[in-house]
Amino acid sequence: MSPISLTADTFADTIKDNEIVVVDFWADWCGPCHRFAPTFDASAADNPDVVHAKVDTEAEAGLAGAAQIRSIPTLMVFKKGTLVFRESGALPAKALAQVLDAARAHEVADPAQ
């Protein structure tokens, strides 16, 4: 499965409606973002149970601001709508896999209870 693009209009519903979502905040001018892209794409292919999404911080400056993105790339991982991981910088493939494994194991309290 290929990463999807998120916008201000689709971000909240995507986070809310999926078990685990990993979001890559990036920009076209960002060299480290381009170097990380193949790792992120491979993770999407290897982890079909996890929604991999990208936010172009130039096109979605308001969303990037609301997410308090100060440097790129920045990864955010959500489980059941709750932020469980946030890291600036390009992660190596092994570290990204470990983050996703940790997210799968992470228990999120149901706010309705």
PDB file of N, CA and C in Angstrom:
ATOM      1  N   MET A   1       0.849  -1.179   0.000  1.00  0.00           N
ATOM      2  CA  MET A   1       0.000   0.000   0.000  1.00  0.00           C
ATOM      3  C   MET A   1       0.895   1.243   0.000  1.00  0.00           C
ATOM      4  N   SER A   2       0.607   2.172  -0.840  1.00  0.00           N
ATOM      5  CA  SER A   2       1.374   3.411  -0.928  1.00  0.00           C
ATOM      6  C   SER A   2       0.889   4.412   0.111  1.00  0.00           C
ATOM      7  N   PRO A   3       1.797   5.308   0.542  1.00  0.00           N
ATOM      8  CA  PRO A   3       1.364   6.363   1.459  1.00  0.00           C
ATOM      9  C   PRO A   3       0.285   7.235   0.818  1.00  0.00           C
ATOM     10  N   ILE A   4      -0.602   7.747   1.650  1.00  0.00           N
ATOM     11  CA  ILE A   4      -1.637   8.660   1.185  1.00  0.00           C
ATOM     12  C   ILE A   4      -1.235  10.085   1.544  1.00  0.00           C
ATOM     13  N   SER A   5      -1.781  11.047   0.845  1.00  0.00           N
ATOM     14  CA  SER A   5      -1.549  12.456   1.158  1.00  0.00           C
ATOM     15  C   SER A   5      -2.674  12.952   2.048  1.00  0.00           C
ATOM     16  N   LEU A   6      -2.298  13.665   3.097  1.00  0.00           N
ATOM     17  CA  LEU A   6      -3.292  14.246   3.996  1.00  0.00           C
ATOM     18  C   LEU A   6      -3.329  15.755   3.834  1.00  0.00           C
ATOM     19  N   THR A   7      -4.516  16.297   4.039  1.00  0.00           N
ATOM     20  CA  THR A   7      -4.729  17.740   4.025  1.00  0.00           C
ATOM     21  C   THR A   7      -5.413  18.124   5.330  1.00  0.00           C
ATOM     22  N   ALA A   8      -5.593  19.402   5.521  1.00  0.00           N
ATOM     23  CA  ALA A   8      -6.314  19.869   6.708  1.00  0.00           C
ATOM     24  C   ALA A   8      -7.726  19.277   6.743  1.00  0.00           C
ATOM     25  N   ASP A   9      -8.304  19.030   5.570  1.00  0.00           N
ATOM     26  CA  ASP A   9      -9.664  18.489   5.497  1.00  0.00           C
ATOM     27  C   ASP A   9      -9.737  16.997   5.821  1.00  0.00           C
ATOM     28  N   THR A  10      -8.650  16.257   5.613  1.00  0.00           N
ATOM     29  CA  THR A  10      -8.687  14.804   5.792  1.00  0.00           C
ATOM     30  C   THR A  10      -7.911  14.302   7.006  1.00  0.00           C
ATOM     31  N   PHE A  11      -7.105  15.163   7.601  1.00  0.00           N
ATOM     32  CA  PHE A  11      -6.208  14.738   8.681  1.00  0.00           C
ATOM     33  C   PHE A  11      -6.972  14.133   9.864  1.00  0.00           C
ATOM     34  N   ALA A  12      -7.880  14.876  10.454  1.00  0.00           N
ATOM     35  CA  ALA A  12      -8.564  14.429  11.678  1.00  0.00           C
ATOM     36  C   ALA A  12      -9.334  13.130  11.462  1.00  0.00           C
ATOM     37  N   ASP A  13     -10.068  13.022  10.359  1.00  0.00           N
ATOM     38  CA  ASP A  13     -10.839  11.802  10.110  1.00  0.00           C
ATOM     39  C   ASP A  13      -9.926  10.604   9.888  1.00  0.00           C
ATOM     40  N   THR A  14      -8.817  10.811   9.195  1.00  0.00           N
ATOM     41  CA  THR A  14      -7.882   9.708   8.956  1.00  0.00           C
ATOM     42  C   THR A  14      -7.310   9.201  10.272  1.00  0.00           C
ATOM     43  N   ILE A  15      -6.925  10.111  11.155  1.00  0.00           N
ATOM     44  CA  ILE A  15      -6.378   9.732  12.456  1.00  0.00           C
ATOM     45  C   ILE A  15      -7.437   9.016  13.296  1.00  0.00           C
ATOM     46  N   LYS A  16      -8.654   9.518  13.253  1.00  0.00           N
ATOM     47  CA  LYS A  16      -9.745   8.977  14.075  1.00  0.00           C
ATOM     48  C   LYS A  16     -10.246   7.630  13.563  1.00  0.00           C
ATOM     49  N   ASP A  17     -10.278   7.452  12.247  1.00  0.00           N
ATOM     50  CA  ASP A  17     -10.941   6.292  11.650  1.00  0.00           C
ATOM     51  C   ASP A  17     -10.036   5.083  11.422  1.00  0.00           C
ATOM     52  N   ASN A  18      -8.760   5.171  11.802  1.00  0.00           N
ATOM     53  CA  ASN A  18      -7.829   4.069  11.576  1.00  0.00           C
ATOM     54  C   ASN A  18      -7.119   3.703  12.874  1.00  0.00           C
ATOM     55  N   GLU A  19      -6.816   2.433  13.023  1.00  0.00           N
ATOM     56  CA  GLU A  19      -6.169   1.935  14.245  1.00  0.00           C
ATOM     57  C   GLU A  19      -4.815   2.609  14.479  1.00  0.00           C
ATOM     58  N   ILE A  20      -3.926   2.528  13.484  1.00  0.00           N
ATOM     59  CA  ILE A  20      -2.595   3.133  13.594  1.00  0.00           C
ATOM     60  C   ILE A  20      -2.320   3.935  12.331  1.00  0.00           C
ATOM     61  N   VAL A  21      -1.865   5.163  12.525  1.00  0.00           N
ATOM     62  CA  VAL A  21      -1.511   6.044  11.406  1.00  0.00           C
ATOM     63  C   VAL A  21      -0.147   6.648  11.702  1.00  0.00           C
ATOM     64  N   VAL A  22       0.768   6.522  10.756  1.00  0.00           N
ATOM     65  CA  VAL A  22       2.070   7.178  10.861  1.00  0.00           C
ATOM     66  C   VAL A  22       2.094   8.287   9.815  1.00  0.00           C
ATOM     67  N   VAL A  23       2.418   9.499  10.255  1.00  0.00           N
ATOM     68  CA  VAL A  23       2.369  10.675   9.388  1.00  0.00           C
ATOM     69  C   VAL A  23       3.774  11.244   9.235  1.00  0.00           C
ATOM     70  N   ASP A  24       4.170  11.437   7.989  1.00  0.00           N
ATOM     71  CA  ASP A  24       5.455  12.042   7.642  1.00  0.00           C
ATOM     72  C   ASP A  24       5.189  13.473   7.187  1.00  0.00           C
ATOM     73  N   PHE A  25       5.637  14.440   7.979  1.00  0.00           N
ATOM     74  CA  PHE A  25       5.556  15.850   7.588  1.00  0.00           C
ATOM     75  C   PHE A  25       6.832  16.168   6.818  1.00  0.00           C
ATOM     76  N   TRP A  26       6.692  16.662   5.596  1.00  0.00           N
ATOM     77  CA  TRP A  26       7.824  16.835   4.703  1.00  0.00           C
ATOM     78  C   TRP A  26       7.630  18.075   3.837  1.00  0.00           C
ATOM     79  N   ALA A  27       8.653  18.397   3.049  1.00  0.00           N
ATOM     80  CA  ALA A  27       8.559  19.464   2.041  1.00  0.00           C
ATOM     81  C   ALA A  27       9.438  19.086   0.859  1.00  0.00           C
ATOM     82  N   ASP A  28       9.065  19.579  -0.304  1.00  0.00           N
ATOM     83  CA  ASP A  28       9.774  19.235  -1.532  1.00  0.00           C
ATOM     84  C   ASP A  28      11.226  19.708  -1.522  1.00  0.00           C
ATOM     85  N   TRP A  29      11.508  20.813  -0.867  1.00  0.00           N
ATOM     86  CA  TRP A  29      12.860  21.372  -0.852  1.00  0.00           C
ATOM     87  C   TRP A  29      13.778  20.699   0.161  1.00  0.00           C
ATOM     88  N   CYS A  30      13.249  19.786   0.959  1.00  0.00           N
ATOM     89  CA  CYS A  30      13.971  19.177   2.084  1.00  0.00           C
ATOM     90  C   CYS A  30      14.745  17.929   1.643  1.00  0.00           C
ATOM     91  N   GLY A  31      16.072  18.038   1.625  1.00  0.00           N
ATOM     92  CA  GLY A  31      16.915  16.905   1.239  1.00  0.00           C
ATOM     93  C   GLY A  31      16.721  15.677   2.113  1.00  0.00           C
ATOM     94  N   PRO A  32      16.768  15.816   3.451  1.00  0.00           N
ATOM     95  CA  PRO A  32      16.542  14.641   4.297  1.00  0.00           C
ATOM     96  C   PRO A  32      15.168  14.000   4.076  1.00  0.00           C
ATOM     97  N   CYS A  33      14.177  14.812   3.737  1.00  0.00           N
ATOM     98  CA  CYS A  33      12.838  14.273   3.445  1.00  0.00           C
ATOM     99  C   CYS A  33      12.890  13.358   2.223  1.00  0.00           C
ATOM    100  N   HIS A  34      13.609  13.792   1.190  1.00  0.00           N
ATOM    101  CA  HIS A  34      13.720  12.980  -0.029  1.00  0.00           C
ATOM    102  C   HIS A  34      14.505  11.699   0.238  1.00  0.00           C
ATOM    103  N   ARG A  35      15.522  11.778   1.091  1.00  0.00           N
ATOM    104  CA  ARG A  35      16.293  10.578   1.416  1.00  0.00           C
ATOM    105  C   ARG A  35      15.471   9.600   2.257  1.00  0.00           C
ATOM    106  N   PHE A  36      14.555  10.111   3.077  1.00  0.00           N
ATOM    107  CA  PHE A  36      13.714   9.267   3.921  1.00  0.00           C
ATOM    108  C   PHE A  36      12.550   8.647   3.143  1.00  0.00           C
ATOM    109  N   ALA A  37      12.129   9.265   2.060  1.00  0.00           N
ATOM    110  CA  ALA A  37      10.939   8.816   1.322  1.00  0.00           C
ATOM    111  C   ALA A  37      10.976   7.336   0.941  1.00  0.00           C
ATOM    112  N   PRO A  38      12.086   6.789   0.408  1.00  0.00           N
ATOM    113  CA  PRO A  38      12.078   5.360   0.075  1.00  0.00           C
ATOM    114  C   PRO A  38      11.888   4.461   1.302  1.00  0.00           C
ATOM    115  N   THR A  39      12.432   4.864   2.445  1.00  0.00           N
ATOM    116  CA  THR A  39      12.248   4.104   3.686  1.00  0.00           C
ATOM    117  C   THR A  39      10.776   4.108   4.088  1.00  0.00           C
ATOM    118  N   PHE A  40      10.146   5.276   3.994  1.00  0.00           N
ATOM    119  CA  PHE A  40       8.734   5.406   4.353  1.00  0.00           C
ATOM    120  C   PHE A  40       7.863   4.598   3.392  1.00  0.00           C
ATOM    121  N   ASP A  41       8.160   4.672   2.094  1.00  0.00           N
ATOM    122  CA  ASP A  41       7.407   3.911   1.094  1.00  0.00           C
ATOM    123  C   ASP A  41       7.544   2.406   1.327  1.00  0.00           C
ATOM    124  N   ALA A  42       8.763   1.953   1.649  1.00  0.00           N
ATOM    125  CA  ALA A  42       8.983   0.529   1.912  1.00  0.00           C
ATOM    126  C   ALA A  42       8.223   0.091   3.161  1.00  0.00           C
ATOM    127  N   SER A  43       8.198   0.944   4.178  1.00  0.00           N
ATOM    128  CA  SER A  43       7.443   0.634   5.391  1.00  0.00           C
ATOM    129  C   SER A  43       5.957   0.494   5.084  1.00  0.00           C
ATOM    130  N   ALA A  44       5.449   1.360   4.222  1.00  0.00           N
ATOM    131  CA  ALA A  44       4.034   1.276   3.834  1.00  0.00           C
ATOM    132  C   ALA A  44       3.743  -0.061   3.162  1.00  0.00           C
ATOM    133  N   ALA A  45       4.657  -0.506   2.306  1.00  0.00           N
ATOM    134  CA  ALA A  45       4.468  -1.780   1.612  1.00  0.00           C
ATOM    135  C   ALA A  45       4.572  -2.961   2.579  1.00  0.00           C
ATOM    136  N   ASP A  46       5.470  -2.850   3.561  1.00  0.00           N
ATOM    137  CA  ASP A  46       5.710  -3.944   4.503  1.00  0.00           C
ATOM    138  C   ASP A  46       4.708  -4.001   5.652  1.00  0.00           C
ATOM    139  N   ASN A  47       3.957  -2.924   5.865  1.00  0.00           N
ATOM    140  CA  ASN A  47       3.044  -2.829   7.011  1.00  0.00           C
ATOM    141  C   ASN A  47       1.650  -2.395   6.557  1.00  0.00           C
ATOM    142  N   PRO A  48       0.939  -3.271   5.852  1.00  0.00           N
ATOM    143  CA  PRO A  48      -0.371  -2.878   5.328  1.00  0.00           C
ATOM    144  C   PRO A  48      -1.417  -2.610   6.410  1.00  0.00           C
ATOM    145  N   ASP A  49      -1.144  -3.027   7.643  1.00  0.00           N
ATOM    146  CA  ASP A  49      -2.072  -2.773   8.749  1.00  0.00           C
ATOM    147  C   ASP A  49      -1.942  -1.359   9.303  1.00  0.00           C
ATOM    148  N   VAL A  50      -0.924  -0.630   8.865  1.00  0.00           N
ATOM    149  CA  VAL A  50      -0.667   0.729   9.341  1.00  0.00           C
ATOM    150  C   VAL A  50      -0.874   1.702   8.184  1.00  0.00           C
ATOM    151  N   VAL A  51      -1.690   2.719   8.394  1.00  0.00           N
ATOM    152  CA  VAL A  51      -1.867   3.754   7.376  1.00  0.00           C
ATOM    153  C   VAL A  51      -0.635   4.650   7.400  1.00  0.00           C
ATOM    154  N   HIS A  52       0.031   4.752   6.272  1.00  0.00           N
ATOM    155  CA  HIS A  52       1.172   5.651   6.106  1.00  0.00           C
ATOM    156  C   HIS A  52       0.671   6.869   5.337  1.00  0.00           C
ATOM    157  N   ALA A  53       0.886   8.038   5.909  1.00  0.00           N
ATOM    158  CA  ALA A  53       0.367   9.267   5.310  1.00  0.00           C
ATOM    159  C   ALA A  53       1.452  10.331   5.295  1.00  0.00           C
ATOM    160  N   LYS A  54       1.337  11.239   4.333  1.00  0.00           N
ATOM    161  CA  LYS A  54       2.300  12.322   4.189  1.00  0.00           C
ATOM    162  C   LYS A  54       1.565  13.656   4.193  1.00  0.00           C
ATOM    163  N   VAL A  55       2.188  14.646   4.834  1.00  0.00           N
ATOM    164  CA  VAL A  55       1.668  16.010   4.824  1.00  0.00           C
ATOM    165  C   VAL A  55       2.750  16.908   4.250  1.00  0.00           C
ATOM    166  N   ASP A  56       2.454  17.536   3.126  1.00  0.00           N
ATOM    167  CA  ASP A  56       3.354  18.516   2.514  1.00  0.00           C
ATOM    168  C   ASP A  56       3.222  19.808   3.312  1.00  0.00           C
ATOM    169  N   THR A  57       4.260  20.150   4.065  1.00  0.00           N
ATOM    170  CA  THR A  57       4.176  21.301   4.962  1.00  0.00           C
ATOM    171  C   THR A  57       4.091  22.629   4.223  1.00  0.00           C
ATOM    172  N   GLU A  58       4.502  22.663   2.968  1.00  0.00           N
ATOM    173  CA  GLU A  58       4.377  23.888   2.176  1.00  0.00           C
ATOM    174  C   GLU A  58       2.926  24.088   1.735  1.00  0.00           C
ATOM    175  N   ALA A  59       2.306  23.020   1.254  1.00  0.00           N
ATOM    176  CA  ALA A  59       0.917  23.103   0.788  1.00  0.00           C
ATOM    177  C   ALA A  59      -0.062  23.163   1.952  1.00  0.00           C
ATOM    178  N   GLU A  60       0.327  22.604   3.092  1.00  0.00           N
ATOM    179  CA  GLU A  60      -0.553  22.519   4.263  1.00  0.00           C
ATOM    180  C   GLU A  60       0.094  23.223   5.457  1.00  0.00           C
ATOM    181  N   ALA A  61       0.466  24.482   5.250  1.00  0.00           N
ATOM    182  CA  ALA A  61       1.162  25.249   6.290  1.00  0.00           C
ATOM    183  C   ALA A  61       0.316  25.387   7.556  1.00  0.00           C
ATOM    184  N   GLY A  62      -0.984  25.554   7.405  1.00  0.00           N
ATOM    185  CA  GLY A  62      -1.860  25.668   8.571  1.00  0.00           C
ATOM    186  C   GLY A  62      -1.871  24.394   9.396  1.00  0.00           C
ATOM    187  N   LEU A  63      -1.944  23.259   8.724  1.00  0.00           N
ATOM    188  CA  LEU A  63      -1.927  21.966   9.405  1.00  0.00           C
ATOM    189  C   LEU A  63      -0.578  21.748  10.085  1.00  0.00           C
ATOM    190  N   ALA A  64       0.503  22.070   9.383  1.00  0.00           N
ATOM    191  CA  ALA A  64       1.838  21.932   9.972  1.00  0.00           C
ATOM    192  C   ALA A  64       1.977  22.820  11.205  1.00  0.00           C
ATOM    193  N   GLY A  65       1.440  24.021  11.136  1.00  0.00           N
ATOM    194  CA  GLY A  65       1.480  24.918  12.284  1.00  0.00           C
ATOM    195  C   GLY A  65       0.674  24.386  13.448  1.00  0.00           C
ATOM    196  N   ALA A  66      -0.515  23.867  13.159  1.00  0.00           N
ATOM    197  CA  ALA A  66      -1.365  23.305  14.213  1.00  0.00           C
ATOM    198  C   ALA A  66      -0.702  22.095  14.871  1.00  0.00           C
ATOM    199  N   ALA A  67       0.084  21.348  14.088  1.00  0.00           N
ATOM    200  CA  ALA A  67       0.792  20.181  14.615  1.00  0.00           C
ATOM    201  C   ALA A  67       2.126  20.567  15.251  1.00  0.00           C
ATOM    202  N   GLN A  68       2.413  21.855  15.272  1.00  0.00           N
ATOM    203  CA  GLN A  68       3.643  22.398  15.854  1.00  0.00           C
ATOM    204  C   GLN A  68       4.895  21.784  15.237  1.00  0.00           C
ATOM    205  N   ILE A  69       4.885  21.690  13.909  1.00  0.00           N
ATOM    206  CA  ILE A  69       6.047  21.179  13.189  1.00  0.00           C
ATOM    207  C   ILE A  69       7.075  22.297  13.093  1.00  0.00           C
ATOM    208  N   ARG A  70       8.249  22.072  13.663  1.00  0.00           N
ATOM    209  CA  ARG A  70       9.314  23.075  13.667  1.00  0.00           C
ATOM    210  C   ARG A  70      10.479  22.680  12.770  1.00  0.00           C
ATOM    211  N   SER A  71      10.611  21.382  12.489  1.00  0.00           N
ATOM    212  CA  SER A  71      11.654  20.909  11.583  1.00  0.00           C
ATOM    213  C   SER A  71      11.106  19.703  10.832  1.00  0.00           C
ATOM    214  N   ILE A  72      11.692  19.456   9.678  1.00  0.00           N
ATOM    215  CA  ILE A  72      11.235  18.337   8.860  1.00  0.00           C
ATOM    216  C   ILE A  72      12.440  17.525   8.400  1.00  0.00           C
ATOM    217  N   PRO A  73      12.242  16.247   8.166  1.00  0.00           N
ATOM    218  CA  PRO A  73      10.985  15.531   8.357  1.00  0.00           C
ATOM    219  C   PRO A  73      10.656  15.361   9.841  1.00  0.00           C
ATOM    220  N   THR A  74       9.376  15.305  10.128  1.00  0.00           N
ATOM    221  CA  THR A  74       8.884  14.948  11.457  1.00  0.00           C
ATOM    222  C   THR A  74       7.882  13.818  11.283  1.00  0.00           C
ATOM    223  N   LEU A  75       8.035  12.787  12.093  1.00  0.00           N
ATOM    224  CA  LEU A  75       7.097  11.668  12.091  1.00  0.00           C
ATOM    225  C   LEU A  75       6.214  11.750  13.319  1.00  0.00           C
ATOM    226  N   MET A  76       4.944  11.478  13.116  1.00  0.00           N
ATOM    227  CA  MET A  76       3.994  11.363  14.219  1.00  0.00           C
ATOM    228  C   MET A  76       3.247  10.047  14.026  1.00  0.00           C
ATOM    229  N   VAL A  77       3.091   9.301  15.107  1.00  0.00           N
ATOM    230  CA  VAL A  77       2.348   8.044  15.058  1.00  0.00           C
ATOM    231  C   VAL A  77       1.155   8.172  15.997  1.00  0.00           C
ATOM    232  N   PHE A  78      -0.005   7.848  15.460  1.00  0.00           N
ATOM    233  CA  PHE A  78      -1.252   7.890  16.221  1.00  0.00           C
ATOM    234  C   PHE A  78      -1.814   6.481  16.332  1.00  0.00           C
ATOM    235  N   LYS A  79      -2.324   6.150  17.511  1.00  0.00           N
ATOM    236  CA  LYS A  79      -3.044   4.893  17.691  1.00  0.00           C
ATOM    237  C   LYS A  79      -4.400   5.234  18.283  1.00  0.00           C
ATOM    238  N   LYS A  80      -5.437   4.800  17.599  1.00  0.00           N
ATOM    239  CA  LYS A  80      -6.817   5.077  18.022  1.00  0.00           C
ATOM    240  C   LYS A  80      -7.011   6.568  18.279  1.00  0.00           C
ATOM    241  N   GLY A  81      -6.404   7.391  17.430  1.00  0.00           N
ATOM    242  CA  GLY A  81      -6.578   8.831  17.518  1.00  0.00           C
ATOM    243  C   GLY A  81      -5.684   9.539  18.513  1.00  0.00           C
ATOM    244  N   THR A  82      -4.861   8.788  19.252  1.00  0.00           N
ATOM    245  CA  THR A  82      -3.981   9.365  20.268  1.00  0.00           C
ATOM    246  C   THR A  82      -2.538   9.368  19.775  1.00  0.00           C
ATOM    247  N   LEU A  83      -1.861  10.492  19.928  1.00  0.00           N
ATOM    248  CA  LEU A  83      -0.454  10.581  19.551  1.00  0.00           C
ATOM    249  C   LEU A  83       0.365   9.715  20.503  1.00  0.00           C
ATOM    250  N   VAL A  84       1.111   8.744  19.941  1.00  0.00           N
ATOM    251  CA  VAL A  84       1.926   7.851  20.767  1.00  0.00           C
ATOM    252  C   VAL A  84       3.417   7.989  20.479  1.00  0.00           C
ATOM    253  N   PHE A  85       3.781   8.718  19.419  1.00  0.00           N
ATOM    254  CA  PHE A  85       5.197   8.898  19.072  1.00  0.00           C
ATOM    255  C   PHE A  85       5.334  10.139  18.215  1.00  0.00           C
ATOM    256  N   ARG A  86       6.425  10.874  18.478  1.00  0.00           N
ATOM    257  CA  ARG A  86       6.740  12.050  17.666  1.00  0.00           C
ATOM    258  C   ARG A  86       8.250  12.195  17.645  1.00  0.00           C
ATOM    259  N   GLU A  87       8.816  12.368  16.454  1.00  0.00           N
ATOM    260  CA  GLU A  87      10.269  12.483  16.321  1.00  0.00           C
ATOM    261  C   GLU A  87      10.602  13.315  15.089  1.00  0.00           C
ATOM    262  N   SER A  88      11.501  14.254  15.268  1.00  0.00           N
ATOM    263  CA  SER A  88      12.016  15.005  14.127  1.00  0.00           C
ATOM    264  C   SER A  88      13.245  14.285  13.596  1.00  0.00           C
ATOM    265  N   GLY A  89      13.410  14.317  12.286  1.00  0.00           N
ATOM    266  CA  GLY A  89      14.553  13.661  11.659  1.00  0.00           C
ATOM    267  C   GLY A  89      14.129  12.388  10.963  1.00  0.00           C
ATOM    268  N   ALA A  90      14.957  11.967  10.028  1.00  0.00           N
ATOM    269  CA  ALA A  90      14.681  10.764   9.246  1.00  0.00           C
ATOM    270  C   ALA A  90      15.135   9.535  10.020  1.00  0.00           C
ATOM    271  N   LEU A  91      14.223   8.635  10.294  1.00  0.00           N
ATOM    272  CA  LEU A  91      14.560   7.407  11.007  1.00  0.00           C
ATOM    273  C   LEU A  91      15.106   6.366  10.040  1.00  0.00           C
ATOM    274  N   PRO A  92      16.081   5.575  10.476  1.00  0.00           N
ATOM    275  CA  PRO A  92      16.484   4.417   9.679  1.00  0.00           C
ATOM    276  C   PRO A  92      15.330   3.406   9.637  1.00  0.00           C
ATOM    277  N   ALA A  93      15.349   2.539   8.642  1.00  0.00           N
ATOM    278  CA  ALA A  93      14.262   1.570   8.459  1.00  0.00           C
ATOM    279  C   ALA A  93      14.031   0.728   9.710  1.00  0.00           C
ATOM    280  N   LYS A  94      15.113   0.262  10.341  1.00  0.00           N
ATOM    281  CA  LYS A  94      14.969  -0.588  11.530  1.00  0.00           C
ATOM    282  C   LYS A  94      14.293   0.175  12.666  1.00  0.00           C
ATOM    283  N   ALA A  95      14.660   1.430  12.855  1.00  0.00           N
ATOM    284  CA  ALA A  95      14.052   2.237  13.917  1.00  0.00           C
ATOM    285  C   ALA A  95      12.574   2.481  13.636  1.00  0.00           C
ATOM    286  N   LEU A  96      12.225   2.735  12.375  1.00  0.00           N
ATOM    287  CA  LEU A  96      10.821   2.933  12.020  1.00  0.00           C
ATOM    288  C   LEU A  96      10.026   1.662  12.298  1.00  0.00           C
ATOM    289  N   ALA A  97      10.588   0.508  11.953  1.00  0.00           N
ATOM    290  CA  ALA A  97       9.911  -0.765  12.225  1.00  0.00           C
ATOM    291  C   ALA A  97       9.697  -0.953  13.727  1.00  0.00           C
ATOM    292  N   GLN A  98      10.692  -0.575  14.534  1.00  0.00           N
ATOM    293  CA  GLN A  98      10.561  -0.693  15.987  1.00  0.00           C
ATOM    294  C   GLN A  98       9.473   0.234  16.523  1.00  0.00           C
ATOM    295  N   VAL A  99       9.386   1.430  15.969  1.00  0.00           N
ATOM    296  CA  VAL A  99       8.346   2.378  16.381  1.00  0.00           C
ATOM    297  C   VAL A  99       6.961   1.804  16.080  1.00  0.00           C
ATOM    298  N   LEU A 100       6.799   1.223  14.895  1.00  0.00           N
ATOM    299  CA  LEU A 100       5.498   0.656  14.530  1.00  0.00           C
ATOM    300  C   LEU A 100       5.157  -0.544  15.410  1.00  0.00           C
ATOM    301  N   ASP A 101       6.154  -1.375  15.725  1.00  0.00           N
ATOM    302  CA  ASP A 101       5.913  -2.506  16.634  1.00  0.00           C
ATOM    303  C   ASP A 101       5.480  -2.007  18.009  1.00  0.00           C
ATOM    304  N   ALA A 102       6.134  -0.953  18.489  1.00  0.00           N
ATOM    305  CA  ALA A 102       5.771  -0.382  19.787  1.00  0.00           C
ATOM    306  C   ALA A 102       4.357   0.192  19.752  1.00  0.00           C
ATOM    307  N   ALA A 103       3.994   0.824  18.645  1.00  0.00           N
ATOM    308  CA  ALA A 103       2.639   1.374  18.515  1.00  0.00           C
ATOM    309  C   ALA A 103       1.603   0.257  18.536  1.00  0.00           C
ATOM    310  N   ARG A 104       1.905  -0.843  17.873  1.00  0.00           N
ATOM    311  CA  ARG A 104       0.971  -1.975  17.877  1.00  0.00           C
ATOM    312  C   ARG A 104       0.754  -2.491  19.301  1.00  0.00           C
ATOM    313  N   ALA A 105       1.819  -2.514  20.099  1.00  0.00           N
ATOM    314  CA  ALA A 105       1.750  -3.050  21.458  1.00  0.00           C
ATOM    315  C   ALA A 105       1.182  -2.046  22.460  1.00  0.00           C
ATOM    316  N   HIS A 106       1.170  -0.776  22.107  1.00  0.00           N
ATOM    317  CA  HIS A 106       0.743   0.288  23.021  1.00  0.00           C
ATOM    318  C   HIS A 106      -0.757   0.201  23.283  1.00  0.00           C
ATOM    319  N   GLU A 107      -1.118   0.241  24.544  1.00  0.00           N
ATOM    320  CA  GLU A 107      -2.532   0.239  24.928  1.00  0.00           C
ATOM    321  C   GLU A 107      -3.003   1.676  25.102  1.00  0.00           C
ATOM    322  N   VAL A 108      -4.077   2.016  24.433  1.00  0.00           N
ATOM    323  CA  VAL A 108      -4.665   3.348  24.543  1.00  0.00           C
ATOM    324  C   VAL A 108      -5.996   3.209  25.262  1.00  0.00           C
ATOM    325  N   ALA A 109      -6.163   3.975  26.333  1.00  0.00           N
ATOM    326  CA  ALA A 109      -7.417   3.935  27.086  1.00  0.00           C
ATOM    327  C   ALA A 109      -8.559   4.454  26.227  1.00  0.00           C
ATOM    328  N   ASP A 110      -9.699   3.833  26.357  1.00  0.00           N
ATOM    329  CA  ASP A 110     -10.899   4.273  25.644  1.00  0.00           C
ATOM    330  C   ASP A 110     -11.490   5.456  26.403  1.00  0.00           C
ATOM    331  N   PRO A 111     -11.530   6.645  25.794  1.00  0.00           N
ATOM    332  CA  PRO A 111     -12.042   7.815  26.505  1.00  0.00           C
ATOM    333  C   PRO A 111     -13.525   7.712  26.859  1.00  0.00           C
ATOM    334  N   ALA A 112     -14.237   6.788  26.230  1.00  0.00           N
ATOM    335  CA  ALA A 112     -15.666   6.631  26.505  1.00  0.00           C
ATOM    336  C   ALA A 112     -15.904   5.881  27.817  1.00  0.00           C
ATOM    337  N   GLN A 113     -14.856   5.265  28.356  1.00  0.00           N
ATOM    338  CA  GLN A 113     -15.035   4.467  29.580  1.00  0.00           C
ATOM    339  C   GLN A 113     -14.573   5.206  30.796  1.00  0.00           C
TER     340      GLN A 113
END
